Each structure stands twice: as structure tokens, then as C-alpha cells.
Amino acid sequence: MADKKCKAVPESSSPGSSLGSNHDVNFKRARYEKPDDLGGVDIETVIAAHVSDEVAPSSLQEAKTSIHALFGSEASNLRQGYIIGEVDNIFVRLSSCNSPIEILRCHEEVNRISENAKIIDQGNQIRDLIRRHDECLSTKKTFESELTNSIQKLKKIEAEELLVKEAEEVARVLRQQYDSRRLAVKRRVSDLKASIERQKKLDVELRQSRVDANQGLLPAVGRAEALNKYAKEGILNLTASLRHFCSKPE
């Protein structure tokens, strides 16, 4: 009987003790190493040695309020919501326990909740891993699709290289013709400007020579013109006299 006796290890600093201190939930908790076989063990004696005071309905309500105050605002994931519901359920069961054996079952339920919470944590990690993997595959698929489209666009662009080269050759010929015509016209413009400058200088020289000639030669020209006119009249008179003389009968 001594080998199968339950060992009780009190927990003076468990999370549940803070709930009792804040809301006057006056009951003791204990951790038990449950043997494989409970036969022959005085369960009532073991439980009664570590659990005192009945859980009153008012204490149960205060415990529920404490649970929601501690976790309710942060219960954004499955684990926290699960723990809140299960712990709340345990308080309900404790309040209705009529014998130490029922209290022991609640203790076993606490152990089961702890194990389930670990499993839920693992499930959350697996779901997060699956989600991240799905996102990775989706991103990879998006990049692969974009890569395929980009390769097709690149092939289409490279197929236009011959047209680009032809256009570049045409542009080169046009540029050469343009530069040649432009250079010829620029040279003609330069020659014309130089010719105009020479003509301007010549105009100045001729204008001055003309003025000088008008002042020095015009009187002589007038006299020469008058003499020529007088000589012409004399010739005409002489010619008329000769005609008259020649026309007389013998």
C-alpha cells in the first residue's frame, strides 16, 4: 500500500493562486503523481489532506471574472480561447463536486488540458508553417509566371533587332546626306557674305572715284561735246554745199 500511495507536492506559486488572492477564491491546489493503479488507495484521505474549503458559487463567479480579466482581451488565438473555456469548465465542475473522487477527476482534467494546450501549440505552429509554405509557393509561382512573361517579351523585342538595324542604317544615310547638304549651304552662305563685303568695299571705292571724276572731267566733257557738235554742224554744211555744187548742170 505504501508503494501505491499518491504523493502530493503543494504548489504555493501557481497561476491559480493569484486568482484566489484577488477574488478570495479560498481553496488549495496540489500536484499528484498518479500511480498506474489506484486500487487500495484511500482517495478521500489523500484529497482531504490537500483540499479544504468548499468552492462557493460566488467564488466561482469571481474566478470566471478573473479569467476573462486576465486573458479575455488578449484571447486572439486558439490556445488562449481554449484555456479560458476549459478552466472555466473546471471551476463549474469544482463547484458541483460532491466527493473527493470528483475533485481528483477535475485534477486529471487539468492535466489533460495542459497536454491539449501543448498539442494546440504544436498545431498552431504547424498551421503557421503551412501558411508560410503556401505563401512561399504562391510567391514563387508569381515570380515564375512573371519570369515566363518577361522571357517572351524579351524574345519579341530581340526579334525586332533587324528592323532596328535597318532603321539605324537609313538614319545613318539620312544623317550623312543632311550633313553634306548643310555643309554645302553653309559654305555658300559664307562665300556670299564674303562677296558682299568685297562688293561693299568696291562700291565705296567706285563711289569716291565717280565723285572725283565728276568734279575734274565734266567741264572738259562739256567742252568736247560742244566742239563735236560744232564740228558736226560744219561737216553737215560742207556736205550740203558739195551736193549743191555737184548737182549743177555743166
Protein backbone atom coordinates (compact mmCIF):
# COMPACT_ATOMS: atom_id res chain seq x y z
CA MET A 1 0.00 0.00 0.00
CA ALA A 2 2.94 2.28 0.65
CA ASP A 3 4.23 1.74 -2.91
CA LYS A 4 0.97 2.84 -4.48
CA LYS A 5 0.28 5.80 -2.23
CA CYS A 6 -0.26 9.11 -4.06
CA LYS A 7 2.47 11.69 -3.48
CA ALA A 8 1.29 15.30 -3.07
CA VAL A 9 3.58 18.24 -3.86
CA PRO A 10 1.92 21.61 -2.97
CA GLU A 11 2.24 24.49 -5.41
CA SER A 12 2.43 27.74 -3.46
CA SER A 13 3.17 29.94 -6.51
CA SER A 14 0.86 28.52 -9.19
CA PRO A 15 -1.01 30.96 -11.50
CA GLY A 16 -4.30 29.99 -9.89
CA SER A 17 -3.15 31.33 -6.50
CA SER A 18 -3.17 34.89 -7.83
CA LEU A 19 -6.79 34.50 -8.79
CA GLY A 20 -7.65 33.39 -5.27
CA SER A 21 -5.75 36.29 -3.66
CA ASN A 22 -7.51 38.84 -5.81
CA HIS A 23 -11.02 37.46 -5.58
CA ASP A 24 -10.95 35.47 -2.31
CA VAL A 25 -11.17 32.07 -4.01
CA ASN A 26 -10.16 30.06 -0.94
CA PHE A 27 -9.04 26.60 -1.98
CA LYS A 28 -5.68 24.80 -2.17
CA ARG A 29 -4.10 23.24 -5.24
CA ALA A 30 -1.80 20.22 -5.31
CA ARG A 31 0.10 18.24 -7.98
CA TYR A 32 -0.21 14.50 -7.78
CA GLU A 33 1.93 11.76 -9.21
CA LYS A 34 -0.86 9.35 -10.06
CA PRO A 35 0.11 5.66 -9.90
CA ASP A 36 -0.86 3.20 -12.56
CA ASP A 37 -3.37 1.56 -10.24
CA LEU A 38 -5.46 3.38 -7.62
CA GLY A 39 -6.69 0.17 -6.06
CA GLY A 40 -6.29 0.04 -2.31
CA VAL A 41 -5.61 3.82 -2.01
CA ASP A 42 -7.84 5.85 0.26
CA ILE A 43 -8.64 8.61 -2.27
CA GLU A 44 -10.79 10.55 0.15
CA THR A 45 -7.96 10.67 2.70
CA VAL A 46 -5.46 11.94 0.10
CA ILE A 47 -7.78 14.60 -1.30
CA ALA A 48 -8.97 15.75 2.09
CA ALA A 49 -5.35 16.21 3.18
CA HIS A 50 -4.70 18.83 0.47
CA VAL A 51 -8.07 20.36 -0.46
CA SER A 52 -10.03 22.35 2.09
CA ASP A 53 -12.99 24.68 1.99
CA GLU A 54 -15.81 24.29 -0.48
CA VAL A 55 -15.82 26.40 -3.62
CA ALA A 56 -18.80 28.66 -3.20
CA PRO A 57 -20.86 29.83 -6.19
CA SER A 58 -19.77 33.41 -5.51
CA SER A 59 -16.11 32.36 -5.64
CA LEU A 60 -16.77 30.57 -8.93
CA GLN A 61 -18.21 33.71 -10.47
CA GLU A 62 -15.27 35.75 -9.22
CA ALA A 63 -12.87 33.19 -10.69
CA LYS A 64 -14.61 33.40 -14.06
CA THR A 65 -14.38 37.18 -13.93
CA SER A 66 -10.67 36.95 -13.11
CA ILE A 67 -10.04 34.57 -16.04
CA HIS A 68 -11.70 36.90 -18.51
CA ALA A 69 -9.96 39.92 -16.97
CA LEU A 70 -6.57 38.24 -17.35
CA PHE A 71 -6.98 36.64 -20.78
CA GLY A 72 -10.19 37.87 -22.35
CA SER A 73 -8.80 40.99 -24.03
CA GLU A 74 -5.78 39.07 -25.33
CA ALA A 75 -7.52 35.82 -26.32
CA SER A 76 -6.84 36.30 -30.01
CA ASN A 77 -5.58 32.80 -30.75
CA LEU A 78 -6.98 29.32 -30.40
CA ARG A 79 -4.84 28.32 -27.42
CA GLN A 80 -5.92 31.19 -25.15
CA GLY A 81 -9.56 30.75 -26.07
CA TYR A 82 -9.31 27.03 -25.41
CA ILE A 83 -7.68 27.51 -21.99
CA ILE A 84 -10.26 30.09 -20.93
CA GLY A 85 -13.10 27.75 -21.84
CA GLU A 86 -11.54 24.70 -20.20
CA VAL A 87 -10.55 26.46 -16.97
CA ASP A 88 -14.00 27.99 -16.77
CA ASN A 89 -15.43 24.49 -17.18
CA ILE A 90 -13.18 23.18 -14.38
CA PHE A 91 -14.47 25.81 -11.97
CA VAL A 92 -18.01 24.83 -12.88
CA ARG A 93 -17.19 21.19 -12.15
CA LEU A 94 -15.40 22.01 -8.89
CA SER A 95 -18.39 23.98 -7.68
CA SER A 96 -20.59 20.94 -8.23
CA CYS A 97 -18.19 18.30 -6.82
CA ASN A 98 -19.81 16.24 -4.05
CA SER A 99 -16.91 13.94 -3.23
CA PRO A 100 -13.09 13.88 -3.20
CA ILE A 101 -13.07 11.43 -6.11
CA GLU A 102 -14.80 14.01 -8.28
CA ILE A 103 -12.21 16.60 -7.27
CA LEU A 104 -9.46 14.19 -8.29
CA ARG A 105 -11.11 13.80 -11.67
CA CYS A 106 -11.02 17.59 -12.03
CA HIS A 107 -7.30 17.44 -11.27
CA GLU A 108 -6.90 14.87 -14.02
CA GLU A 109 -8.87 17.18 -16.29
CA VAL A 110 -6.35 19.95 -15.57
CA ASN A 111 -3.51 17.65 -16.64
CA ARG A 112 -5.41 16.77 -19.80
CA ILE A 113 -5.93 20.47 -20.57
CA SER A 114 -2.20 21.09 -20.14
CA GLU A 115 -1.36 18.31 -22.58
CA ASN A 116 -4.02 19.50 -25.02
CA ALA A 117 -2.65 23.04 -24.80
CA LYS A 118 0.77 21.74 -25.86
CA ILE A 119 -0.82 19.89 -28.75
CA ILE A 120 -2.72 23.03 -29.75
CA ASP A 121 0.54 24.99 -29.66
CA GLN A 122 2.09 22.43 -31.97
CA GLY A 123 -0.97 22.62 -34.20
CA ASN A 124 -0.66 26.40 -34.34
CA GLN A 125 3.00 26.07 -35.27
CA ILE A 126 2.15 23.53 -37.97
CA ARG A 127 -0.63 25.73 -39.35
CA ASP A 128 1.71 28.72 -39.35
CA LEU A 129 4.34 26.63 -41.13
CA ILE A 130 1.75 25.51 -43.70
CA ARG A 131 0.59 29.10 -44.18
CA ARG A 132 4.16 30.34 -44.67
CA HIS A 133 4.88 27.47 -47.06
CA ASP A 134 1.72 28.24 -49.05
CA GLU A 135 2.72 31.90 -49.21
CA CYS A 136 6.20 30.86 -50.37
CA LEU A 137 4.76 28.64 -53.10
CA SER A 138 2.34 31.37 -54.17
CA THR A 139 5.13 33.95 -54.32
CA LYS A 140 7.36 31.52 -56.21
CA LYS A 141 4.55 30.81 -58.68
CA THR A 142 4.01 34.53 -59.19
CA PHE A 143 7.72 35.09 -59.87
CA GLU A 144 7.84 32.14 -62.26
CA SER A 145 4.83 33.45 -64.18
CA GLU A 146 6.37 36.91 -64.37
CA LEU A 147 9.68 35.38 -65.50
CA THR A 148 7.91 33.47 -68.30
CA ASN A 149 6.16 36.63 -69.49
CA SER A 150 9.39 38.63 -69.32
CA ILE A 151 11.27 36.00 -71.36
CA GLN A 152 8.55 36.08 -74.03
CA LYS A 153 8.68 39.87 -74.14
CA LEU A 154 12.48 39.74 -74.44
CA LYS A 155 12.24 37.34 -77.39
CA LYS A 156 9.75 39.63 -79.15
CA ILE A 157 11.98 42.63 -78.58
CA GLU A 158 15.09 40.81 -79.81
CA ALA A 159 13.16 39.71 -82.92
CA GLU A 160 12.84 43.40 -83.82
CA GLU A 161 16.61 43.89 -83.83
CA LEU A 162 16.85 43.52 -87.66
CA LEU A 163 14.28 46.25 -88.13
CA VAL A 164 16.17 48.41 -85.68
CA LYS A 165 19.43 47.88 -87.57
CA GLU A 166 17.75 48.74 -90.88
CA ALA A 167 16.29 51.86 -89.34
CA GLU A 168 19.72 52.76 -87.95
CA GLU A 169 21.28 52.36 -91.44
CA VAL A 170 18.60 54.54 -93.00
CA ALA A 171 19.14 57.09 -90.26
CA ARG A 172 22.91 56.99 -90.87
CA VAL A 173 22.45 57.65 -94.62
CA LEU A 174 19.97 60.42 -93.94
CA ARG A 175 22.35 61.96 -91.44
CA GLN A 176 25.20 61.79 -93.93
CA GLN A 177 23.10 63.43 -96.65
CA TYR A 178 21.84 66.02 -94.25
CA ASP A 179 25.34 66.89 -93.04
CA SER A 180 26.61 67.13 -96.65
CA ARG A 181 23.80 69.44 -97.79
CA ARG A 182 24.08 71.52 -94.67
CA LEU A 183 27.85 71.91 -95.10
CA ALA A 184 27.47 72.94 -98.77
CA VAL A 185 24.85 75.55 -97.94
CA LYS A 186 26.92 76.87 -95.04
CA ARG A 187 29.90 77.27 -97.34
CA ARG A 188 27.74 79.07 -99.93
CA VAL A 189 26.43 81.38 -97.22
CA SER A 190 29.97 82.11 -96.11
CA ASP A 191 31.09 82.81 -99.71
CA LEU A 192 28.14 85.10 -100.33
CA LYS A 193 28.84 87.06 -97.17
CA ALA A 194 32.48 87.45 -98.21
CA SER A 195 31.44 88.55 -101.73
CA ILE A 196 29.04 91.10 -100.33
CA GLU A 197 31.78 92.53 -98.14
CA ARG A 198 34.07 92.82 -101.18
CA GLN A 199 31.30 94.50 -103.16
CA LYS A 200 30.73 96.94 -100.33
CA LYS A 201 34.40 97.93 -100.37
CA LEU A 202 34.37 98.20 -104.18
CA ASP A 203 31.24 100.31 -104.03
CA VAL A 204 32.94 102.73 -101.68
CA GLU A 205 35.99 102.97 -103.93
CA LEU A 206 33.94 103.45 -107.12
CA ARG A 207 31.68 105.96 -105.47
CA GLN A 208 34.67 108.09 -104.48
CA SER A 209 36.24 107.74 -107.93
CA ARG A 210 32.97 108.79 -109.52
CA VAL A 211 32.77 111.86 -107.37
CA ASP A 212 36.32 112.78 -108.24
CA ALA A 213 35.68 112.19 -111.95
CA ASN A 214 32.59 114.33 -111.95
CA GLN A 215 34.43 117.20 -110.38
CA GLY A 216 37.52 117.07 -112.73
CA LEU A 217 36.25 115.77 -116.11
CA LEU A 218 32.76 117.13 -116.50
CA PRO A 219 33.86 120.61 -117.75
CA ALA A 220 36.21 119.06 -120.32
CA VAL A 221 33.50 116.69 -121.38
CA GLY A 222 31.15 119.61 -121.87
CA ARG A 223 33.61 121.47 -123.99
CA ALA A 224 34.37 118.34 -126.02
CA GLU A 225 30.69 117.74 -126.58
CA ALA A 226 30.25 121.38 -127.72
CA LEU A 227 33.19 121.13 -130.11
CA ASN A 228 31.89 117.88 -131.50
CA LYS A 229 28.52 119.45 -132.05
CA TYR A 230 30.08 122.46 -133.83
CA ALA A 231 32.27 120.19 -135.96
CA LYS A 232 29.28 118.09 -136.85
CA GLU A 233 27.36 121.11 -137.98
CA GLY A 234 30.32 122.23 -140.10
CA ILE A 235 30.52 118.85 -141.73
CA LEU A 236 26.84 118.90 -142.47
CA ASN A 237 27.10 122.36 -144.04
CA LEU A 238 30.06 121.32 -146.12
CA THR A 239 28.26 118.24 -147.28
CA ALA A 240 25.28 120.30 -148.33
CA SER A 241 27.47 122.70 -150.28
CA LEU A 242 29.14 119.87 -152.10
CA ARG A 243 25.83 118.38 -153.04
CA HIS A 244 24.66 121.66 -154.37
CA PHE A 245 27.83 122.16 -156.36
CA CYS A 246 27.73 118.70 -157.77
CA SER A 247 24.14 118.95 -158.80
CA LYS A 248 24.63 121.99 -161.10
CA PRO A 249 24.46 121.24 -164.92
CA GLU A 250 27.59 121.79 -166.97
